[in-house]
Amino acid sequence: MIEDKIYIYPIYITVDPNEEYPYFVEIPDIDGFTQGKDLAEAITMARDYIGFAVIDKLQHGEPLPLPDKIEYVQHENQIKTLVDINFKKYKSQHDNKVVKKTLTIPKYLNELGNEKGINFSLTLTEALKEKLGV
């Protein structure tokens, strides 16, 4: 069971402006690496890497890797920062398992949608994402 709490992991970002993806991210507690085109993308990619890697480990019965490798040695062209993640929320947001919903719509919308070949499940999913801002 994944706890509903926030974990904080250190990441180390090395910048090399000569690379296509100049922000190289090291995630020492997960033994992982990722990259980004800018700082915001690098941090987002780090959070995704941590989320997917840890959830995969937990699903395979491995223990949660706890953040404990914070080093304070400064290296040239390196940014040190922290990434927060709530694994329970992350897993929920990235769970693509579908559920069946029964709903009621006006008959004329059903007929028009069928005539136009509308995928009702996709349309509802897109509308919900827009309405919920996710």
N, C-alpha and C. Protein backbone atom coordinates (compact mmCIF):
# COMPACT_ATOMS: atom_id res chain seq x y z
N MET A 1 0.84 -1.18 0.00
CA MET A 1 0.00 0.00 0.00
C MET A 1 0.89 1.24 0.00
N ILE A 2 0.58 2.16 -0.87
CA ILE A 2 1.34 3.39 -0.97
C ILE A 2 0.72 4.43 -0.05
N GLU A 3 1.56 5.04 0.78
CA GLU A 3 1.09 6.06 1.72
C GLU A 3 0.76 7.36 0.99
N ASP A 4 -0.20 8.09 1.53
CA ASP A 4 -0.57 9.39 0.98
C ASP A 4 0.28 10.46 1.67
N LYS A 5 1.55 10.53 1.27
CA LYS A 5 2.45 11.51 1.86
C LYS A 5 3.47 11.95 0.81
N ILE A 6 4.10 13.07 1.07
CA ILE A 6 5.06 13.63 0.12
C ILE A 6 6.47 13.17 0.49
N TYR A 7 7.20 12.69 -0.51
CA TYR A 7 8.60 12.34 -0.37
C TYR A 7 9.41 13.37 -1.15
N ILE A 8 10.62 13.64 -0.68
CA ILE A 8 11.47 14.63 -1.33
C ILE A 8 12.80 13.96 -1.68
N TYR A 9 13.15 14.05 -2.97
CA TYR A 9 14.38 13.44 -3.47
C TYR A 9 15.31 14.52 -4.03
N PRO A 10 16.61 14.41 -3.72
CA PRO A 10 17.55 15.35 -4.32
C PRO A 10 17.83 14.95 -5.77
N ILE A 11 18.02 15.95 -6.61
CA ILE A 11 18.45 15.71 -7.98
C ILE A 11 19.60 16.66 -8.29
N TYR A 12 20.45 16.24 -9.21
CA TYR A 12 21.60 17.04 -9.61
C TYR A 12 21.50 17.26 -11.11
N ILE A 13 21.45 18.52 -11.52
CA ILE A 13 21.28 18.87 -12.92
C ILE A 13 22.58 19.48 -13.43
N THR A 14 23.16 18.86 -14.44
CA THR A 14 24.37 19.38 -15.07
C THR A 14 23.97 20.01 -16.39
N VAL A 15 24.46 21.22 -16.62
CA VAL A 15 24.08 21.98 -17.81
C VAL A 15 25.23 21.97 -18.81
N ASP A 16 24.92 21.54 -20.04
CA ASP A 16 25.88 21.58 -21.14
C ASP A 16 25.17 22.20 -22.33
N PRO A 17 25.37 23.51 -22.57
CA PRO A 17 24.64 24.20 -23.63
C PRO A 17 24.91 23.68 -25.03
N ASN A 18 25.92 22.83 -25.19
CA ASN A 18 26.24 22.28 -26.51
C ASN A 18 25.41 21.05 -26.86
N GLU A 19 24.61 20.56 -25.93
CA GLU A 19 23.79 19.37 -26.16
C GLU A 19 22.39 19.76 -26.63
N GLU A 20 21.73 18.85 -27.37
CA GLU A 20 20.35 19.09 -27.80
C GLU A 20 19.43 19.22 -26.59
N TYR A 21 19.66 18.36 -25.60
CA TYR A 21 18.96 18.43 -24.31
C TYR A 21 20.02 18.84 -23.28
N PRO A 22 20.20 20.14 -23.07
CA PRO A 22 21.34 20.60 -22.27
C PRO A 22 21.25 20.35 -20.77
N TYR A 23 20.09 19.96 -20.26
CA TYR A 23 19.92 19.75 -18.81
C TYR A 23 19.90 18.25 -18.52
N PHE A 24 21.02 17.73 -18.03
CA PHE A 24 21.17 16.31 -17.71
C PHE A 24 20.91 16.13 -16.23
N VAL A 25 19.99 15.24 -15.88
CA VAL A 25 19.56 15.08 -14.49
C VAL A 25 20.01 13.73 -13.93
N GLU A 26 20.66 13.78 -12.78
CA GLU A 26 21.02 12.57 -12.05
C GLU A 26 20.11 12.47 -10.83
N ILE A 27 19.56 11.27 -10.62
CA ILE A 27 18.68 11.01 -9.48
C ILE A 27 19.34 9.90 -8.66
N PRO A 28 20.22 10.25 -7.73
CA PRO A 28 21.05 9.24 -7.06
C PRO A 28 20.28 8.20 -6.25
N ASP A 29 19.20 8.57 -5.60
CA ASP A 29 18.48 7.61 -4.77
C ASP A 29 17.75 6.54 -5.58
N ILE A 30 17.52 6.82 -6.85
CA ILE A 30 16.83 5.88 -7.73
C ILE A 30 17.83 5.26 -8.70
N ASP A 31 19.07 5.70 -8.66
CA ASP A 31 20.09 5.29 -9.63
C ASP A 31 19.59 5.53 -11.05
N GLY A 32 19.06 6.72 -11.28
CA GLY A 32 18.49 7.02 -12.59
C GLY A 32 18.97 8.33 -13.16
N PHE A 33 18.71 8.48 -14.46
CA PHE A 33 19.09 9.67 -15.19
C PHE A 33 17.98 10.05 -16.16
N THR A 34 17.85 11.33 -16.43
CA THR A 34 16.93 11.82 -17.44
C THR A 34 17.49 13.15 -17.94
N GLN A 35 16.74 13.84 -18.78
CA GLN A 35 17.24 15.11 -19.32
C GLN A 35 16.08 15.99 -19.74
N GLY A 36 16.40 17.24 -20.05
CA GLY A 36 15.37 18.16 -20.50
C GLY A 36 15.96 19.26 -21.35
N LYS A 37 15.08 19.91 -22.11
CA LYS A 37 15.52 21.02 -22.97
C LYS A 37 15.71 22.31 -22.18
N ASP A 38 15.01 22.42 -21.05
CA ASP A 38 15.17 23.58 -20.17
C ASP A 38 15.02 23.10 -18.73
N LEU A 39 15.23 24.01 -17.79
CA LEU A 39 15.22 23.63 -16.38
C LEU A 39 13.87 23.07 -15.94
N ALA A 40 12.79 23.71 -16.36
CA ALA A 40 11.46 23.24 -15.97
C ALA A 40 11.19 21.83 -16.50
N GLU A 41 11.55 21.58 -17.76
CA GLU A 41 11.34 20.25 -18.33
C GLU A 41 12.22 19.22 -17.62
N ALA A 42 13.44 19.59 -17.27
CA ALA A 42 14.34 18.66 -16.58
C ALA A 42 13.76 18.24 -15.23
N ILE A 43 13.21 19.20 -14.49
CA ILE A 43 12.62 18.89 -13.18
C ILE A 43 11.36 18.05 -13.35
N THR A 44 10.54 18.37 -14.35
CA THR A 44 9.33 17.58 -14.63
C THR A 44 9.71 16.15 -15.00
N MET A 45 10.72 16.01 -15.85
CA MET A 45 11.16 14.67 -16.26
C MET A 45 11.72 13.90 -15.07
N ALA A 46 12.40 14.59 -14.16
CA ALA A 46 12.92 13.93 -12.96
C ALA A 46 11.78 13.39 -12.11
N ARG A 47 10.74 14.21 -11.93
CA ARG A 47 9.59 13.77 -11.13
C ARG A 47 8.93 12.55 -11.79
N ASP A 48 8.77 12.60 -13.12
CA ASP A 48 8.19 11.45 -13.82
C ASP A 48 9.06 10.21 -13.68
N TYR A 49 10.38 10.38 -13.82
CA TYR A 49 11.28 9.24 -13.69
C TYR A 49 11.15 8.62 -12.30
N ILE A 50 11.19 9.48 -11.28
CA ILE A 50 11.06 8.99 -9.90
C ILE A 50 9.72 8.28 -9.72
N GLY A 51 8.65 8.90 -10.19
CA GLY A 51 7.31 8.32 -10.04
C GLY A 51 7.19 6.95 -10.68
N PHE A 52 7.56 6.86 -11.96
CA PHE A 52 7.43 5.58 -12.66
C PHE A 52 8.37 4.53 -12.09
N ALA A 53 9.61 4.92 -11.79
CA ALA A 53 10.59 3.95 -11.28
C ALA A 53 10.17 3.39 -9.93
N VAL A 54 9.73 4.25 -9.03
CA VAL A 54 9.36 3.80 -7.69
C VAL A 54 8.09 2.97 -7.73
N ILE A 55 7.10 3.38 -8.49
CA ILE A 55 5.86 2.60 -8.58
C ILE A 55 6.15 1.23 -9.18
N ASP A 56 7.04 1.17 -10.17
CA ASP A 56 7.42 -0.12 -10.75
C ASP A 56 8.10 -1.00 -9.70
N LYS A 57 9.01 -0.42 -8.92
CA LYS A 57 9.68 -1.19 -7.87
C LYS A 57 8.67 -1.72 -6.85
N LEU A 58 7.74 -0.87 -6.43
CA LEU A 58 6.74 -1.29 -5.44
C LEU A 58 5.84 -2.40 -5.99
N GLN A 59 5.48 -2.30 -7.27
CA GLN A 59 4.63 -3.33 -7.88
C GLN A 59 5.36 -4.67 -8.00
N HIS A 60 6.70 -4.63 -8.01
CA HIS A 60 7.48 -5.86 -8.08
C HIS A 60 7.96 -6.31 -6.70
N GLY A 61 7.35 -5.75 -5.64
CA GLY A 61 7.65 -6.18 -4.28
C GLY A 61 8.94 -5.63 -3.70
N GLU A 62 9.57 -4.69 -4.39
CA GLU A 62 10.80 -4.10 -3.87
C GLU A 62 10.44 -2.99 -2.88
N PRO A 63 11.34 -2.69 -1.95
CA PRO A 63 11.04 -1.64 -0.98
C PRO A 63 11.11 -0.25 -1.61
N LEU A 64 10.44 0.68 -0.98
CA LEU A 64 10.46 2.08 -1.41
C LEU A 64 11.87 2.64 -1.20
N PRO A 65 12.52 3.11 -2.26
CA PRO A 65 13.84 3.72 -2.07
C PRO A 65 13.69 5.08 -1.39
N LEU A 66 14.19 5.18 -0.18
CA LEU A 66 14.04 6.43 0.57
C LEU A 66 15.14 7.41 0.20
N PRO A 67 14.81 8.68 0.18
CA PRO A 67 15.81 9.69 -0.18
C PRO A 67 16.82 9.86 0.95
N ASP A 68 18.10 9.57 0.63
CA ASP A 68 19.10 9.71 1.69
C ASP A 68 20.48 10.06 1.17
N LYS A 69 20.62 10.31 -0.11
CA LYS A 69 21.95 10.55 -0.66
C LYS A 69 22.17 12.04 -0.96
N ILE A 70 21.84 12.89 -0.03
CA ILE A 70 22.04 14.32 -0.26
C ILE A 70 23.51 14.65 -0.04
N GLU A 71 24.14 15.14 -1.10
CA GLU A 71 25.54 15.55 -1.04
C GLU A 71 25.60 17.06 -1.27
N TYR A 72 26.54 17.71 -0.64
CA TYR A 72 26.62 19.16 -0.77
C TYR A 72 27.87 19.62 -1.49
N VAL A 73 28.55 18.72 -2.18
CA VAL A 73 29.74 19.10 -2.94
C VAL A 73 29.27 19.76 -4.23
N GLN A 74 29.73 20.98 -4.48
CA GLN A 74 29.31 21.71 -5.68
C GLN A 74 30.26 21.39 -6.83
N HIS A 75 29.68 21.05 -7.98
CA HIS A 75 30.46 20.80 -9.18
C HIS A 75 30.15 21.89 -10.20
N GLU A 76 31.08 22.14 -11.08
CA GLU A 76 30.90 23.17 -12.10
C GLU A 76 29.71 22.84 -13.00
N ASN A 77 28.95 23.86 -13.35
CA ASN A 77 27.77 23.73 -14.22
C ASN A 77 26.70 22.81 -13.65
N GLN A 78 26.62 22.70 -12.34
CA GLN A 78 25.65 21.79 -11.74
C GLN A 78 24.67 22.56 -10.85
N ILE A 79 23.40 22.18 -10.98
CA ILE A 79 22.34 22.74 -10.14
C ILE A 79 21.86 21.62 -9.23
N LYS A 80 21.79 21.90 -7.95
CA LYS A 80 21.27 20.90 -7.01
C LYS A 80 19.92 21.40 -6.52
N THR A 81 18.94 20.54 -6.57
CA THR A 81 17.61 20.93 -6.11
C THR A 81 16.89 19.71 -5.58
N LEU A 82 15.68 19.91 -5.13
CA LEU A 82 14.87 18.82 -4.58
C LEU A 82 13.59 18.69 -5.39
N VAL A 83 13.11 17.47 -5.52
CA VAL A 83 11.86 17.19 -6.21
C VAL A 83 10.93 16.50 -5.22
N ASP A 84 9.71 17.03 -5.13
CA ASP A 84 8.72 16.40 -4.24
C ASP A 84 7.76 15.56 -5.06
N ILE A 85 7.28 14.48 -4.43
CA ILE A 85 6.34 13.60 -5.12
C ILE A 85 5.50 12.86 -4.08
N ASN A 86 4.22 12.77 -4.37
CA ASN A 86 3.29 11.96 -3.59
C ASN A 86 2.98 10.74 -4.46
N PHE A 87 3.54 9.59 -4.13
CA PHE A 87 3.41 8.41 -4.98
C PHE A 87 1.97 7.95 -5.13
N LYS A 88 1.18 8.09 -4.08
CA LYS A 88 -0.23 7.67 -4.18
C LYS A 88 -0.96 8.52 -5.21
N LYS A 89 -0.80 9.84 -5.14
CA LYS A 89 -1.44 10.72 -6.12
C LYS A 89 -0.86 10.53 -7.51
N TYR A 90 0.47 10.36 -7.59
CA TYR A 90 1.12 10.17 -8.89
C TYR A 90 0.59 8.91 -9.57
N LYS A 91 0.50 7.83 -8.80
CA LYS A 91 0.00 6.57 -9.37
C LYS A 91 -1.43 6.74 -9.85
N SER A 92 -2.25 7.41 -9.06
CA SER A 92 -3.65 7.63 -9.43
C SER A 92 -3.75 8.45 -10.71
N GLN A 93 -2.93 9.50 -10.84
CA GLN A 93 -2.98 10.36 -12.02
C GLN A 93 -2.45 9.68 -13.27
N HIS A 94 -1.61 8.67 -13.12
CA HIS A 94 -1.02 8.01 -14.27
C HIS A 94 -1.56 6.60 -14.49
N ASP A 95 -2.62 6.27 -13.79
CA ASP A 95 -3.26 4.96 -13.95
C ASP A 95 -4.23 5.05 -15.12
N ASN A 96 -3.92 4.37 -16.20
CA ASN A 96 -4.75 4.44 -17.40
C ASN A 96 -5.78 3.32 -17.48
N LYS A 97 -5.98 2.62 -16.37
CA LYS A 97 -7.01 1.57 -16.36
C LYS A 97 -8.36 2.25 -16.56
N VAL A 98 -9.16 1.70 -17.44
CA VAL A 98 -10.46 2.30 -17.73
C VAL A 98 -11.54 1.64 -16.88
N VAL A 99 -12.58 2.41 -16.60
CA VAL A 99 -13.73 1.90 -15.88
C VAL A 99 -14.97 2.14 -16.72
N LYS A 100 -15.90 1.23 -16.63
CA LYS A 100 -17.14 1.35 -17.39
C LYS A 100 -18.11 2.24 -16.63
N LYS A 101 -18.67 3.23 -17.33
CA LYS A 101 -19.65 4.14 -16.75
C LYS A 101 -20.93 4.04 -17.57
N THR A 102 -22.04 3.99 -16.90
CA THR A 102 -23.34 4.04 -17.57
C THR A 102 -23.85 5.46 -17.40
N LEU A 103 -24.27 6.08 -18.51
CA LEU A 103 -24.74 7.45 -18.42
C LEU A 103 -25.95 7.65 -19.31
N THR A 104 -26.59 8.77 -19.12
CA THR A 104 -27.79 9.09 -19.87
C THR A 104 -27.56 10.39 -20.63
N ILE A 105 -27.85 10.37 -21.94
CA ILE A 105 -27.76 11.58 -22.76
C ILE A 105 -29.03 11.69 -23.59
N PRO A 106 -29.34 12.87 -24.08
CA PRO A 106 -30.53 13.01 -24.92
C PRO A 106 -30.43 12.14 -26.18
N LYS A 107 -31.56 11.60 -26.59
CA LYS A 107 -31.61 10.68 -27.73
C LYS A 107 -31.03 11.32 -28.99
N TYR A 108 -31.38 12.59 -29.24
CA TYR A 108 -30.91 13.23 -30.47
C TYR A 108 -29.39 13.35 -30.49
N LEU A 109 -28.74 13.57 -29.32
CA LEU A 109 -27.28 13.62 -29.27
C LEU A 109 -26.68 12.25 -29.55
N ASN A 110 -27.31 11.22 -29.03
CA ASN A 110 -26.86 9.86 -29.29
C ASN A 110 -26.92 9.56 -30.78
N GLU A 111 -28.04 9.92 -31.42
CA GLU A 111 -28.21 9.65 -32.85
C GLU A 111 -27.20 10.44 -33.68
N LEU A 112 -27.05 11.74 -33.38
CA LEU A 112 -26.09 12.56 -34.12
C LEU A 112 -24.66 12.04 -33.93
N GLY A 113 -24.33 11.69 -32.70
CA GLY A 113 -23.00 11.17 -32.42
C GLY A 113 -22.72 9.88 -33.16
N ASN A 114 -23.70 8.99 -33.20
CA ASN A 114 -23.54 7.74 -33.94
C ASN A 114 -23.38 8.00 -35.43
N GLU A 115 -24.18 8.94 -35.99
CA GLU A 115 -24.07 9.28 -37.41
C GLU A 115 -22.68 9.81 -37.76
N LYS A 116 -22.12 10.60 -36.86
CA LYS A 116 -20.81 11.22 -37.10
C LYS A 116 -19.65 10.31 -36.68
N GLY A 117 -19.96 9.15 -36.15
CA GLY A 117 -18.90 8.23 -35.73
C GLY A 117 -18.14 8.70 -34.50
N ILE A 118 -18.83 9.43 -33.64
CA ILE A 118 -18.20 9.95 -32.42
C ILE A 118 -17.90 8.81 -31.45
N ASN A 119 -16.69 8.83 -30.91
CA ASN A 119 -16.31 7.89 -29.85
C ASN A 119 -16.75 8.54 -28.54
N PHE A 120 -17.85 8.07 -27.97
CA PHE A 120 -18.42 8.69 -26.78
C PHE A 120 -17.48 8.61 -25.58
N SER A 121 -16.79 7.50 -25.42
CA SER A 121 -15.86 7.36 -24.29
C SER A 121 -14.72 8.37 -24.39
N LEU A 122 -14.15 8.50 -25.59
CA LEU A 122 -13.06 9.45 -25.79
C LEU A 122 -13.54 10.88 -25.58
N THR A 123 -14.72 11.19 -26.11
CA THR A 123 -15.27 12.54 -25.96
C THR A 123 -15.51 12.88 -24.49
N LEU A 124 -16.07 11.95 -23.74
CA LEU A 124 -16.31 12.18 -22.32
C LEU A 124 -14.99 12.33 -21.57
N THR A 125 -14.01 11.50 -21.89
CA THR A 125 -12.70 11.58 -21.24
C THR A 125 -12.06 12.94 -21.49
N GLU A 126 -12.07 13.39 -22.75
CA GLU A 126 -11.48 14.69 -23.09
C GLU A 126 -12.21 15.82 -22.39
N ALA A 127 -13.54 15.76 -22.36
CA ALA A 127 -14.32 16.81 -21.70
C ALA A 127 -14.05 16.85 -20.20
N LEU A 128 -13.94 15.68 -19.58
CA LEU A 128 -13.65 15.64 -18.14
C LEU A 128 -12.26 16.19 -17.83
N LYS A 129 -11.27 15.83 -18.66
CA LYS A 129 -9.92 16.35 -18.45
C LYS A 129 -9.90 17.86 -18.56
N GLU A 130 -10.60 18.39 -19.56
CA GLU A 130 -10.65 19.85 -19.72
C GLU A 130 -11.36 20.50 -18.53
N LYS A 131 -12.48 19.94 -18.15
CA LYS A 131 -13.27 20.50 -17.04
C LYS A 131 -12.49 20.45 -15.72
N LEU A 132 -11.70 19.38 -15.53
CA LEU A 132 -10.96 19.20 -14.29
C LEU A 132 -9.56 19.81 -14.32
N GLY A 133 -9.15 20.27 -15.49
CA GLY A 133 -7.83 20.88 -15.62
C GLY A 133 -6.68 19.92 -15.47
N VAL A 134 -6.88 18.69 -15.96
CA VAL A 134 -5.79 17.69 -15.89
C VAL A 134 -5.42 17.20 -17.28
